[in-house]
Amino acid sequence: MSYSELKRKDVVNICDGRKMGRPIDLILSDAACAQALVVPGRSGGLLGLFRQDREGIVIPWERVRRVGDDVILVEVDAGCDQNQ
């Protein structure tokens, strides 16, 4: 999948169903592996699971749960446990 395809998808937090926006950047490692996804905006209450940079909210790639046809599902709340 190319970045141009990825940036057309909405990022949705599976913990609360909130739409976080579309990706504005993708952070890659030196080996060209995805490390984080960056979405726009400011959000409080996400319990420090990811950091906020000037350009947006950085979501570690290990928090990405699924990349679908239209959405990217992420888990960004410490209280969210899918095994319950």
C-alpha atoms as a PDB file:
ATOM      1  CA  MET A   1       0.000   0.000   0.000  1.00  0.00           C
ATOM      2  CA  SER A   2       1.318   3.433  -0.855  1.00  0.00           C
ATOM      3  CA  TYR A   3       1.244   6.479   1.401  1.00  0.00           C
ATOM      4  CA  SER A   4      -1.100   8.215  -1.040  1.00  0.00           C
ATOM      5  CA  GLU A   5      -3.619   5.388  -0.477  1.00  0.00           C
ATOM      6  CA  LEU A   6      -3.076   5.436   3.288  1.00  0.00           C
ATOM      7  CA  LYS A   7      -3.654   9.181   3.637  1.00  0.00           C
ATOM      8  CA  ARG A   8      -7.138   8.886   2.075  1.00  0.00           C
ATOM      9  CA  LYS A   9      -8.384   6.717   4.964  1.00  0.00           C
ATOM     10  CA  ASP A  10     -10.000   8.035   8.153  1.00  0.00           C
ATOM     11  CA  VAL A  11      -8.289   7.089  11.424  1.00  0.00           C
ATOM     12  CA  VAL A  12     -10.824   5.859  14.010  1.00  0.00           C
ATOM     13  CA  ASN A  13     -10.167   5.146  17.683  1.00  0.00           C
ATOM     14  CA  ILE A  14     -11.753   1.766  18.453  1.00  0.00           C
ATOM     15  CA  CYS A  15     -12.024   2.604  22.154  1.00  0.00           C
ATOM     16  CA  ASP A  16     -14.601   5.358  21.704  1.00  0.00           C
ATOM     17  CA  GLY A  17     -15.440   5.345  17.971  1.00  0.00           C
ATOM     18  CA  ARG A  18     -14.033   8.847  17.573  1.00  0.00           C
ATOM     19  CA  LYS A  19     -12.768   9.870  14.153  1.00  0.00           C
ATOM     20  CA  MET A  20      -9.274  11.333  14.576  1.00  0.00           C
ATOM     21  CA  GLY A  21      -8.821  12.599  11.019  1.00  0.00           C
ATOM     22  CA  ARG A  22      -6.756  11.404   8.092  1.00  0.00           C
ATOM     23  CA  PRO A  23      -3.029  10.703   8.286  1.00  0.00           C
ATOM     24  CA  ILE A  24      -0.815  13.711   7.634  1.00  0.00           C
ATOM     25  CA  ASP A  25       2.488  11.879   7.987  1.00  0.00           C
ATOM     26  CA  LEU A  26       4.049   8.459   8.411  1.00  0.00           C
ATOM     27  CA  ILE A  27       7.220   8.004  10.447  1.00  0.00           C
ATOM     28  CA  LEU A  28       9.565   5.323   9.122  1.00  0.00           C
ATOM     29  CA  SER A  29      12.582   3.618  10.668  1.00  0.00           C
ATOM     30  CA  ASP A  30      15.977   3.553   8.949  1.00  0.00           C
ATOM     31  CA  ALA A  31      14.939   0.163   7.534  1.00  0.00           C
ATOM     32  CA  ALA A  32      11.803   1.776   6.029  1.00  0.00           C
ATOM     33  CA  CYS A  33       9.414   0.075   8.479  1.00  0.00           C
ATOM     34  CA  ALA A  34       6.424   2.039   9.779  1.00  0.00           C
ATOM     35  CA  GLN A  35       7.018   3.343  13.316  1.00  0.00           C
ATOM     36  CA  ALA A  36       4.144   5.795  13.758  1.00  0.00           C
ATOM     37  CA  LEU A  37       1.191   7.423  12.094  1.00  0.00           C
ATOM     38  CA  VAL A  38       0.586  11.173  12.498  1.00  0.00           C
ATOM     39  CA  VAL A  39      -2.938  12.609  12.519  1.00  0.00           C
ATOM     40  CA  PRO A  40      -3.905  16.277  12.782  1.00  0.00           C
ATOM     41  CA  GLY A  41      -5.297  18.071  15.751  1.00  0.00           C
ATOM     42  CA  ARG A  42      -5.122  18.256  19.453  1.00  0.00           C
ATOM     43  CA  SER A  43      -6.779  15.927  21.890  1.00  0.00           C
ATOM     44  CA  GLY A  44      -6.606  15.832  25.658  1.00  0.00           C
ATOM     45  CA  GLY A  45      -7.336  12.739  27.749  1.00  0.00           C
ATOM     46  CA  LEU A  46      -5.460  10.164  25.750  1.00  0.00           C
ATOM     47  CA  LEU A  47      -3.377   9.299  28.800  1.00  0.00           C
ATOM     48  CA  GLY A  48       0.014   9.844  27.247  1.00  0.00           C
ATOM     49  CA  LEU A  49      -0.004   6.729  25.089  1.00  0.00           C
ATOM     50  CA  PHE A  50       1.352   8.816  22.277  1.00  0.00           C
ATOM     51  CA  ARG A  51       2.999  12.176  22.078  1.00  0.00           C
ATOM     52  CA  GLN A  52       1.703  15.329  20.477  1.00  0.00           C
ATOM     53  CA  ASP A  53       4.029  17.114  18.082  1.00  0.00           C
ATOM     54  CA  ARG A  54       3.469  20.558  16.612  1.00  0.00           C
ATOM     55  CA  GLU A  55       2.060  19.120  13.399  1.00  0.00           C
ATOM     56  CA  GLY A  56      -0.213  16.545  14.955  1.00  0.00           C
ATOM     57  CA  ILE A  57      -0.708  13.525  17.159  1.00  0.00           C
ATOM     58  CA  VAL A  58       1.827  10.727  16.764  1.00  0.00           C
ATOM     59  CA  ILE A  59       0.293   7.261  17.145  1.00  0.00           C
ATOM     60  CA  PRO A  60       2.845   4.461  17.538  1.00  0.00           C
ATOM     61  CA  TRP A  61       2.431   1.805  14.852  1.00  0.00           C
ATOM     62  CA  GLU A  62       1.879  -0.874  17.514  1.00  0.00           C
ATOM     63  CA  ARG A  63      -1.376   0.978  18.347  1.00  0.00           C
ATOM     64  CA  VAL A  64      -2.664   0.482  14.774  1.00  0.00           C
ATOM     65  CA  ARG A  65      -5.024  -2.490  14.949  1.00  0.00           C
ATOM     66  CA  ARG A  66      -6.247  -2.789  11.362  1.00  0.00           C
ATOM     67  CA  VAL A  67      -5.953  -0.995   8.026  1.00  0.00           C
ATOM     68  CA  GLY A  68      -9.200  -1.499   6.146  1.00  0.00           C
ATOM     69  CA  ASP A  69     -10.533  -0.372   2.792  1.00  0.00           C
ATOM     70  CA  ASP A  70     -11.815   2.970   4.124  1.00  0.00           C
ATOM     71  CA  VAL A  71     -10.524   3.321   7.688  1.00  0.00           C
ATOM     72  CA  ILE A  72      -7.505   2.752   9.878  1.00  0.00           C
ATOM     73  CA  LEU A  73      -8.496   1.430  13.298  1.00  0.00           C
ATOM     74  CA  VAL A  74      -6.270   2.442  16.215  1.00  0.00           C
ATOM     75  CA  GLU A  75      -6.382   1.820  19.973  1.00  0.00           C
ATOM     76  CA  VAL A  76      -5.275   4.932  21.830  1.00  0.00           C
ATOM     77  CA  ASP A  77      -6.883   4.751  25.274  1.00  0.00           C
ATOM     78  CA  ALA A  78      -5.235   2.943  28.216  1.00  0.00           C
ATOM     79  CA  GLY A  79      -8.648   1.900  29.539  1.00  0.00           C
ATOM     80  CA  CYS A  80      -9.577   0.127  26.328  1.00  0.00           C
ATOM     81  CA  ASP A  81      -9.102  -3.644  26.488  1.00  0.00           C
ATOM     82  CA  GLN A  82     -10.441  -5.653  23.560  1.00  0.00           C
ATOM     83  CA  ASN A  83     -10.106  -8.935  25.462  1.00  0.00           C
ATOM     84  CA  GLN A  84     -12.986  -8.149  27.813  1.00  0.00           C
END
